[in-house]
Amino acid sequence: MSSAALAWRQFRFERRMFWRNPSAAFFNFALPLIFLFLIASVFGLNEADREILIPGIAGMSVMTTTFTALAFNVTFLREQGILKRIKGTPLPPISYFGGLIANAVANAVVQVALVIAIGHLVYSVPWPHDWIELIVFVILGVVAFSSLGIAMAQLIPNFDSAAAYVNAVFLPMIFISGTFYESKHLPAVLDAIARILPLRHVIDGLRGAILPNSGLGSHVEAMVVLAAWCVGGVFLALRYFRWE
């Protein structure tokens, strides 16, 4: 079989394994939606606030389905010796990781679509006015966070400590990147840190795609920063990856 056909079979296998893991389905799909419903309902957000929250939750969804999921999964697979056994099989590494990453990408696309649909149907947030910008920033976010998730797994010593390592990155990033509120209210120091990190730029790009009077031309800086994170993440993932 070709490498592409093997990657497709691995992708289908990963999809079945994903839905058989309740905790993975919860953290990838349910958690961002819980944040969305709780914040939008409890705080009684007005229209302007909802237009900030929906792109923020969509950006967070890209991070949870790629960075968080892959960091946990690769650490678990390495610790259980599964990666080592995969390495000893005829399955090409590119096919194996193609299926693994494609599963994360599929989750990200479905989750972003869910958040946008719920935002429109339940909270009257308009449909994206610039679908090209939406696609561009989802792709950049997926590539950056997927590669960073695989790279992050190399820093985690064992699966028991994975939650601490991942949340030490995930939680501060979602709170300083404008996920739940407009980032202009941040202190100058935190705002400067957020501008370096990828999530802020993913959210800005998605917000620009949903709201009118914006476009790709208004987010060149965000695309440049995300492209740099993509290159850096891929380099780190390839350079420091360990099979065992």
C-alpha atoms as a PDB file:
ATOM      1  CA  MET A   1       0.000   0.000   0.000  1.00  0.00           C
ATOM      2  CA  SER A   2       1.119   3.562  -0.609  1.00  0.00           C
ATOM      3  CA  SER A   3       2.082   5.854   2.269  1.00  0.00           C
ATOM      4  CA  ALA A   4      -1.045   7.937   1.622  1.00  0.00           C
ATOM      5  CA  ALA A   5      -3.317   4.881   1.829  1.00  0.00           C
ATOM      6  CA  LEU A   6      -1.642   3.780   5.061  1.00  0.00           C
ATOM      7  CA  ALA A   7      -2.050   7.282   6.494  1.00  0.00           C
ATOM      8  CA  TRP A   8      -5.759   7.152   5.641  1.00  0.00           C
ATOM      9  CA  ARG A   9      -6.149   3.788   7.400  1.00  0.00           C
ATOM     10  CA  GLN A  10      -4.277   5.152  10.428  1.00  0.00           C
ATOM     11  CA  PHE A  11      -6.533   8.217  10.437  1.00  0.00           C
ATOM     12  CA  ARG A  12      -9.648   6.030  10.443  1.00  0.00           C
ATOM     13  CA  PHE A  13      -8.200   3.988  13.305  1.00  0.00           C
ATOM     14  CA  GLU A  14      -7.415   7.155  15.285  1.00  0.00           C
ATOM     15  CA  ARG A  15     -10.998   8.364  14.791  1.00  0.00           C
ATOM     16  CA  ARG A  16     -12.389   5.140  16.253  1.00  0.00           C
ATOM     17  CA  MET A  17      -9.973   5.277  19.178  1.00  0.00           C
ATOM     18  CA  PHE A  18     -10.840   8.913  19.845  1.00  0.00           C
ATOM     19  CA  TRP A  19     -14.567   8.290  20.221  1.00  0.00           C
ATOM     20  CA  ARG A  20     -13.892   5.276  22.435  1.00  0.00           C
ATOM     21  CA  ASN A  21     -12.028   7.534  24.878  1.00  0.00           C
ATOM     22  CA  PRO A  22     -14.620   9.563  26.846  1.00  0.00           C
ATOM     23  CA  SER A  23     -12.040  11.844  28.490  1.00  0.00           C
ATOM     24  CA  ALA A  24     -10.542  12.792  25.110  1.00  0.00           C
ATOM     25  CA  ALA A  25     -13.963  13.560  23.674  1.00  0.00           C
ATOM     26  CA  PHE A  26     -14.828  15.654  26.736  1.00  0.00           C
ATOM     27  CA  PHE A  27     -11.699  17.809  26.779  1.00  0.00           C
ATOM     28  CA  ASN A  28     -11.631  18.231  22.989  1.00  0.00           C
ATOM     29  CA  PHE A  29     -15.312  18.951  22.371  1.00  0.00           C
ATOM     30  CA  ALA A  30     -17.289  19.483  25.562  1.00  0.00           C
ATOM     31  CA  LEU A  31     -14.925  21.725  27.536  1.00  0.00           C
ATOM     32  CA  PRO A  32     -14.765  24.669  25.066  1.00  0.00           C
ATOM     33  CA  LEU A  33     -18.542  24.516  24.598  1.00  0.00           C
ATOM     34  CA  ILE A  34     -19.071  24.507  28.372  1.00  0.00           C
ATOM     35  CA  PHE A  35     -16.923  27.646  28.616  1.00  0.00           C
ATOM     36  CA  LEU A  36     -18.984  29.204  25.830  1.00  0.00           C
ATOM     37  CA  PHE A  37     -22.399  28.480  27.345  1.00  0.00           C
ATOM     38  CA  LEU A  38     -21.407  29.344  30.921  1.00  0.00           C
ATOM     39  CA  ILE A  39     -19.717  32.656  30.155  1.00  0.00           C
ATOM     40  CA  ALA A  40     -22.320  33.792  27.631  1.00  0.00           C
ATOM     41  CA  SER A  41     -25.248  32.806  29.885  1.00  0.00           C
ATOM     42  CA  VAL A  42     -24.015  33.587  33.397  1.00  0.00           C
ATOM     43  CA  PHE A  43     -22.609  37.009  32.573  1.00  0.00           C
ATOM     44  CA  GLY A  44     -25.440  37.984  30.219  1.00  0.00           C
ATOM     45  CA  LEU A  45     -23.107  39.277  27.541  1.00  0.00           C
ATOM     46  CA  ASN A  46     -24.289  41.909  25.098  1.00  0.00           C
ATOM     47  CA  GLU A  47     -23.833  41.653  21.346  1.00  0.00           C
ATOM     48  CA  ALA A  48     -20.378  43.245  21.318  1.00  0.00           C
ATOM     49  CA  ASP A  49     -19.153  40.923  24.091  1.00  0.00           C
ATOM     50  CA  ARG A  50     -20.472  37.840  22.287  1.00  0.00           C
ATOM     51  CA  GLU A  51     -18.637  38.900  19.127  1.00  0.00           C
ATOM     52  CA  ILE A  52     -15.451  38.864  21.215  1.00  0.00           C
ATOM     53  CA  LEU A  53     -16.211  35.580  22.982  1.00  0.00           C
ATOM     54  CA  ILE A  54     -17.131  33.410  19.962  1.00  0.00           C
ATOM     55  CA  PRO A  55     -13.814  33.896  18.071  1.00  0.00           C
ATOM     56  CA  GLY A  56     -11.954  33.517  21.373  1.00  0.00           C
ATOM     57  CA  ILE A  57     -13.558  30.151  22.100  1.00  0.00           C
ATOM     58  CA  ALA A  58     -12.952  29.082  18.482  1.00  0.00           C
ATOM     59  CA  GLY A  59      -9.259  29.923  18.841  1.00  0.00           C
ATOM     60  CA  MET A  60      -9.081  28.064  22.146  1.00  0.00           C
ATOM     61  CA  SER A  61     -10.700  25.069  20.439  1.00  0.00           C
ATOM     62  CA  VAL A  62      -7.902  24.988  17.865  1.00  0.00           C
ATOM     63  CA  MET A  63      -5.388  24.845  20.710  1.00  0.00           C
ATOM     64  CA  THR A  64      -7.182  22.169  22.759  1.00  0.00           C
ATOM     65  CA  THR A  65      -7.749  19.822  19.813  1.00  0.00           C
ATOM     66  CA  THR A  66      -4.149  20.044  18.583  1.00  0.00           C
ATOM     67  CA  PHE A  67      -1.586  21.232  21.139  1.00  0.00           C
ATOM     68  CA  THR A  68      -3.214  19.791  24.259  1.00  0.00           C
ATOM     69  CA  ALA A  69      -4.409  16.563  22.651  1.00  0.00           C
ATOM     70  CA  LEU A  70      -1.128  15.758  20.881  1.00  0.00           C
ATOM     71  CA  ALA A  71       1.025  16.599  23.903  1.00  0.00           C
ATOM     72  CA  PHE A  72      -1.011  14.159  26.016  1.00  0.00           C
ATOM     73  CA  ASN A  73      -1.283  11.474  23.327  1.00  0.00           C
ATOM     74  CA  VAL A  74       2.361  11.420  22.248  1.00  0.00           C
ATOM     75  CA  THR A  75       3.516  11.319  25.869  1.00  0.00           C
ATOM     76  CA  PHE A  76       1.186   8.401  26.611  1.00  0.00           C
ATOM     77  CA  LEU A  77       2.171   6.498  23.470  1.00  0.00           C
ATOM     78  CA  ARG A  78       5.866   6.972  24.194  1.00  0.00           C
ATOM     79  CA  GLU A  79       5.573   5.915  27.844  1.00  0.00           C
ATOM     80  CA  GLN A  80       3.530   2.800  27.001  1.00  0.00           C
ATOM     81  CA  GLY A  81       6.135   1.737  24.445  1.00  0.00           C
ATOM     82  CA  ILE A  82       3.660   2.013  21.575  1.00  0.00           C
ATOM     83  CA  LEU A  83       5.815   4.468  19.617  1.00  0.00           C
ATOM     84  CA  LYS A  84       8.792   2.142  19.956  1.00  0.00           C
ATOM     85  CA  ARG A  85       6.760  -0.780  18.607  1.00  0.00           C
ATOM     86  CA  ILE A  86       5.373   1.354  15.777  1.00  0.00           C
ATOM     87  CA  LYS A  87       8.953   2.210  14.825  1.00  0.00           C
ATOM     88  CA  GLY A  88       9.693  -1.515  14.465  1.00  0.00           C
ATOM     89  CA  THR A  89       6.801  -2.174  12.083  1.00  0.00           C
ATOM     90  CA  PRO A  90       6.737  -1.687   8.292  1.00  0.00           C
ATOM     91  CA  LEU A  91       4.383   1.284   8.757  1.00  0.00           C
ATOM     92  CA  PRO A  92       6.258   4.399   7.550  1.00  0.00           C
ATOM     93  CA  PRO A  93       6.585   7.097  10.241  1.00  0.00           C
ATOM     94  CA  ILE A  94       5.101   9.680   7.860  1.00  0.00           C
ATOM     95  CA  SER A  95       1.966   7.546   7.500  1.00  0.00           C
ATOM     96  CA  TYR A  96       1.646   7.003  11.231  1.00  0.00           C
ATOM     97  CA  PHE A  97       2.031  10.650  12.159  1.00  0.00           C
ATOM     98  CA  GLY A  98      -0.009  11.710   9.146  1.00  0.00           C
ATOM     99  CA  GLY A  99      -2.964   9.760  10.546  1.00  0.00           C
ATOM    100  CA  LEU A 100      -2.326  10.986  14.100  1.00  0.00           C
ATOM    101  CA  ILE A 101      -2.122  14.652  13.113  1.00  0.00           C
ATOM    102  CA  ALA A 102      -5.014  14.383  10.632  1.00  0.00           C
ATOM    103  CA  ASN A 103      -7.208  13.191  13.506  1.00  0.00           C
ATOM    104  CA  ALA A 104      -6.288  16.309  15.504  1.00  0.00           C
ATOM    105  CA  VAL A 105      -6.930  18.509  12.458  1.00  0.00           C
ATOM    106  CA  ALA A 106     -10.364  16.933  11.929  1.00  0.00           C
ATOM    107  CA  ASN A 107     -11.248  17.609  15.565  1.00  0.00           C
ATOM    108  CA  ALA A 108     -10.133  21.239  15.225  1.00  0.00           C
ATOM    109  CA  VAL A 109     -12.206  21.824  12.083  1.00  0.00           C
ATOM    110  CA  VAL A 110     -15.335  20.244  13.586  1.00  0.00           C
ATOM    111  CA  GLN A 111     -14.942  22.168  16.833  1.00  0.00           C
ATOM    112  CA  VAL A 112     -14.441  25.542  15.142  1.00  0.00           C
ATOM    113  CA  ALA A 113     -17.487  24.857  12.947  1.00  0.00           C
ATOM    114  CA  LEU A 114     -19.548  23.985  16.036  1.00  0.00           C
ATOM    115  CA  VAL A 115     -18.540  27.140  17.903  1.00  0.00           C
ATOM    116  CA  ILE A 116     -19.316  29.380  14.913  1.00  0.00           C
ATOM    117  CA  ALA A 117     -22.659  27.658  14.278  1.00  0.00           C
ATOM    118  CA  ILE A 118     -23.682  27.911  17.941  1.00  0.00           C
ATOM    119  CA  GLY A 119     -22.565  31.526  18.020  1.00  0.00           C
ATOM    120  CA  HIS A 120     -24.809  32.326  15.067  1.00  0.00           C
ATOM    121  CA  LEU A 121     -27.845  30.191  15.890  1.00  0.00           C
ATOM    122  CA  VAL A 122     -27.937  30.701  19.667  1.00  0.00           C
ATOM    123  CA  TYR A 123     -26.230  34.050  20.254  1.00  0.00           C
ATOM    124  CA  SER A 124     -26.940  35.858  16.942  1.00  0.00           C
ATOM    125  CA  VAL A 125     -23.280  36.390  16.083  1.00  0.00           C
ATOM    126  CA  PRO A 126     -23.062  36.868  12.286  1.00  0.00           C
ATOM    127  CA  TRP A 127     -21.656  34.204   9.999  1.00  0.00           C
ATOM    128  CA  PRO A 128     -18.019  34.868   9.032  1.00  0.00           C
ATOM    129  CA  HIS A 129     -17.854  37.565   6.384  1.00  0.00           C
ATOM    130  CA  ASP A 130     -14.423  36.403   5.163  1.00  0.00           C
ATOM    131  CA  TRP A 131     -14.238  32.622   4.857  1.00  0.00           C
ATOM    132  CA  ILE A 132     -10.775  32.746   3.262  1.00  0.00           C
ATOM    133  CA  GLU A 133      -9.345  34.520   6.291  1.00  0.00           C
ATOM    134  CA  LEU A 134     -11.076  32.018   8.554  1.00  0.00           C
ATOM    135  CA  ILE A 135      -9.527  29.067   6.675  1.00  0.00           C
ATOM    136  CA  VAL A 136      -6.066  30.679   6.582  1.00  0.00           C
ATOM    137  CA  PHE A 137      -5.942  31.272  10.330  1.00  0.00           C
ATOM    138  CA  VAL A 138      -7.372  27.855  11.193  1.00  0.00           C
ATOM    139  CA  ILE A 139      -4.668  26.237   9.030  1.00  0.00           C
ATOM    140  CA  LEU A 140      -1.893  28.360  10.540  1.00  0.00           C
ATOM    141  CA  GLY A 141      -3.169  27.673  14.047  1.00  0.00           C
ATOM    142  CA  VAL A 142      -3.463  23.942  13.441  1.00  0.00           C
ATOM    143  CA  VAL A 143       0.067  23.659  12.020  1.00  0.00           C
ATOM    144  CA  ALA A 144       1.605  25.773  14.778  1.00  0.00           C
ATOM    145  CA  PHE A 145      -0.172  24.096  17.685  1.00  0.00           C
ATOM    146  CA  SER A 146       0.143  20.545  16.302  1.00  0.00           C
ATOM    147  CA  SER A 147       3.910  20.857  15.906  1.00  0.00           C
ATOM    148  CA  LEU A 148       4.239  22.578  19.284  1.00  0.00           C
ATOM    149  CA  GLY A 149       2.167  19.830  20.920  1.00  0.00           C
ATOM    150  CA  ILE A 150       4.496  17.135  19.577  1.00  0.00           C
ATOM    151  CA  ALA A 151       7.510  19.209  20.644  1.00  0.00           C
ATOM    152  CA  MET A 152       5.984  19.770  24.093  1.00  0.00           C
ATOM    153  CA  ALA A 153       5.651  16.008  24.568  1.00  0.00           C
ATOM    154  CA  GLN A 154       9.437  15.730  24.450  1.00  0.00           C
ATOM    155  CA  LEU A 155       9.706  17.922  27.574  1.00  0.00           C
ATOM    156  CA  ILE A 156       7.225  15.861  29.590  1.00  0.00           C
ATOM    157  CA  PRO A 157       9.056  13.161  31.602  1.00  0.00           C
ATOM    158  CA  ASN A 158       6.059  10.846  32.100  1.00  0.00           C
ATOM    159  CA  PHE A 159       2.315  10.706  31.585  1.00  0.00           C
ATOM    160  CA  ASP A 160       1.536  11.328  35.271  1.00  0.00           C
ATOM    161  CA  SER A 161       3.060  14.794  35.005  1.00  0.00           C
ATOM    162  CA  ALA A 162       1.586  15.578  31.568  1.00  0.00           C
ATOM    163  CA  ALA A 163      -1.395  17.506  32.950  1.00  0.00           C
ATOM    164  CA  ALA A 164       0.854  19.790  34.998  1.00  0.00           C
ATOM    165  CA  TYR A 165       3.174  20.550  32.079  1.00  0.00           C
ATOM    166  CA  VAL A 166       0.395  21.097  29.535  1.00  0.00           C
ATOM    167  CA  ASN A 167      -1.814  23.211  31.797  1.00  0.00           C
ATOM    168  CA  ALA A 168       1.172  25.335  32.808  1.00  0.00           C
ATOM    169  CA  VAL A 169       1.208  26.469  29.167  1.00  0.00           C
ATOM    170  CA  PHE A 170      -2.477  26.188  28.259  1.00  0.00           C
ATOM    171  CA  LEU A 171      -4.162  28.027  31.136  1.00  0.00           C
ATOM    172  CA  PRO A 172      -1.998  31.180  31.219  1.00  0.00           C
ATOM    173  CA  MET A 173      -2.125  31.430  27.425  1.00  0.00           C
ATOM    174  CA  ILE A 174      -5.915  31.353  27.157  1.00  0.00           C
ATOM    175  CA  PHE A 175      -6.279  34.014  29.859  1.00  0.00           C
ATOM    176  CA  ILE A 176      -3.781  36.514  28.445  1.00  0.00           C
ATOM    177  CA  SER A 177      -4.630  35.990  24.754  1.00  0.00           C
ATOM    178  CA  GLY A 178      -8.077  37.586  24.754  1.00  0.00           C
ATOM    179  CA  THR A 179     -10.068  34.359  24.750  1.00  0.00           C
ATOM    180  CA  PHE A 180     -12.821  35.632  27.040  1.00  0.00           C
ATOM    181  CA  TYR A 181     -12.448  39.402  26.807  1.00  0.00           C
ATOM    182  CA  GLU A 182     -10.978  42.126  24.642  1.00  0.00           C
ATOM    183  CA  SER A 183      -7.199  42.035  24.961  1.00  0.00           C
ATOM    184  CA  LYS A 184      -6.841  45.832  25.099  1.00  0.00           C
ATOM    185  CA  HIS A 185      -7.763  45.661  28.796  1.00  0.00           C
ATOM    186  CA  LEU A 186      -4.600  43.702  29.616  1.00  0.00           C
ATOM    187  CA  PRO A 187      -1.703  45.315  31.505  1.00  0.00           C
ATOM    188  CA  ALA A 188       1.108  46.368  29.182  1.00  0.00           C
ATOM    189  CA  VAL A 189       3.488  43.602  30.287  1.00  0.00           C
ATOM    190  CA  LEU A 190       0.955  40.811  29.778  1.00  0.00           C
ATOM    191  CA  ASP A 191      -0.131  42.324  26.477  1.00  0.00           C
ATOM    192  CA  ALA A 192       3.475  42.302  25.253  1.00  0.00           C
ATOM    193  CA  ILE A 193       3.837  38.625  26.227  1.00  0.00           C
ATOM    194  CA  ALA A 194       0.541  37.733  24.550  1.00  0.00           C
ATOM    195  CA  ARG A 195       1.669  39.364  21.285  1.00  0.00           C
ATOM    196  CA  ILE A 196       4.591  36.938  21.141  1.00  0.00           C
ATOM    197  CA  LEU A 197       2.446  33.834  21.664  1.00  0.00           C
ATOM    198  CA  PRO A 198       0.468  32.168  18.853  1.00  0.00           C
ATOM    199  CA  LEU A 199      -3.010  31.969  20.398  1.00  0.00           C
ATOM    200  CA  ARG A 200      -3.475  35.750  20.470  1.00  0.00           C
ATOM    201  CA  HIS A 201      -2.911  35.932  16.713  1.00  0.00           C
ATOM    202  CA  VAL A 202      -5.175  32.973  15.933  1.00  0.00           C
ATOM    203  CA  ILE A 203      -7.991  34.660  17.873  1.00  0.00           C
ATOM    204  CA  ASP A 204      -7.353  38.027  16.203  1.00  0.00           C
ATOM    205  CA  GLY A 205      -7.484  36.379  12.776  1.00  0.00           C
ATOM    206  CA  LEU A 206     -10.694  34.503  13.538  1.00  0.00           C
ATOM    207  CA  ARG A 207     -12.243  37.651  14.982  1.00  0.00           C
ATOM    208  CA  GLY A 208     -11.309  39.542  11.838  1.00  0.00           C
ATOM    209  CA  ALA A 209     -12.895  36.806   9.709  1.00  0.00           C
ATOM    210  CA  ILE A 210     -16.179  36.944  11.615  1.00  0.00           C
ATOM    211  CA  LEU A 211     -16.586  40.698  12.070  1.00  0.00           C
ATOM    212  CA  PRO A 212     -16.991  43.081   9.113  1.00  0.00           C
ATOM    213  CA  ASN A 213     -14.615  45.891   8.138  1.00  0.00           C
ATOM    214  CA  SER A 214     -11.585  43.680   8.374  1.00  0.00           C
ATOM    215  CA  GLY A 215      -9.666  41.183   6.261  1.00  0.00           C
ATOM    216  CA  LEU A 216      -6.364  39.443   5.681  1.00  0.00           C
ATOM    217  CA  GLY A 217      -4.695  42.740   4.898  1.00  0.00           C
ATOM    218  CA  SER A 218      -5.436  43.927   8.443  1.00  0.00           C
ATOM    219  CA  HIS A 219      -3.742  40.903  10.021  1.00  0.00           C
ATOM    220  CA  VAL A 220      -0.425  40.625   8.212  1.00  0.00           C
ATOM    221  CA  GLU A 221       1.475  40.797  11.499  1.00  0.00           C
ATOM    222  CA  ALA A 222      -0.604  37.942  12.912  1.00  0.00           C
ATOM    223  CA  MET A 223       0.113  35.785   9.845  1.00  0.00           C
ATOM    224  CA  VAL A 224       3.844  36.491  10.063  1.00  0.00           C
ATOM    225  CA  VAL A 225       3.987  35.593  13.771  1.00  0.00           C
ATOM    226  CA  LEU A 226       1.991  32.406  13.235  1.00  0.00           C
ATOM    227  CA  ALA A 227       4.147  31.406  10.263  1.00  0.00           C
ATOM    228  CA  ALA A 228       7.225  31.846  12.470  1.00  0.00           C
ATOM    229  CA  TRP A 229       5.642  29.626  15.127  1.00  0.00           C
ATOM    230  CA  CYS A 230       4.836  27.032  12.450  1.00  0.00           C
ATOM    231  CA  VAL A 231       8.458  26.921  11.295  1.00  0.00           C
ATOM    232  CA  GLY A 232       9.801  26.883  14.849  1.00  0.00           C
ATOM    233  CA  GLY A 233       7.329  24.243  16.008  1.00  0.00           C
ATOM    234  CA  VAL A 234       8.068  21.906  13.091  1.00  0.00           C
ATOM    235  CA  PHE A 235      11.819  22.318  13.669  1.00  0.00           C
ATOM    236  CA  LEU A 236      11.536  21.527  17.390  1.00  0.00           C
ATOM    237  CA  ALA A 237       9.208  18.575  16.782  1.00  0.00           C
ATOM    238  CA  LEU A 238      11.589  17.025  14.224  1.00  0.00           C
ATOM    239  CA  ARG A 239      14.798  17.883  16.047  1.00  0.00           C
ATOM    240  CA  TYR A 240      13.931  16.551  19.496  1.00  0.00           C
ATOM    241  CA  PHE A 241      11.406  13.812  18.815  1.00  0.00           C
ATOM    242  CA  ARG A 242      12.028  10.523  20.650  1.00  0.00           C
ATOM    243  CA  TRP A 243      10.484   7.155  19.859  1.00  0.00           C
ATOM    244  CA  GLU A 244      11.168   5.846  23.372  1.00  0.00           C
END
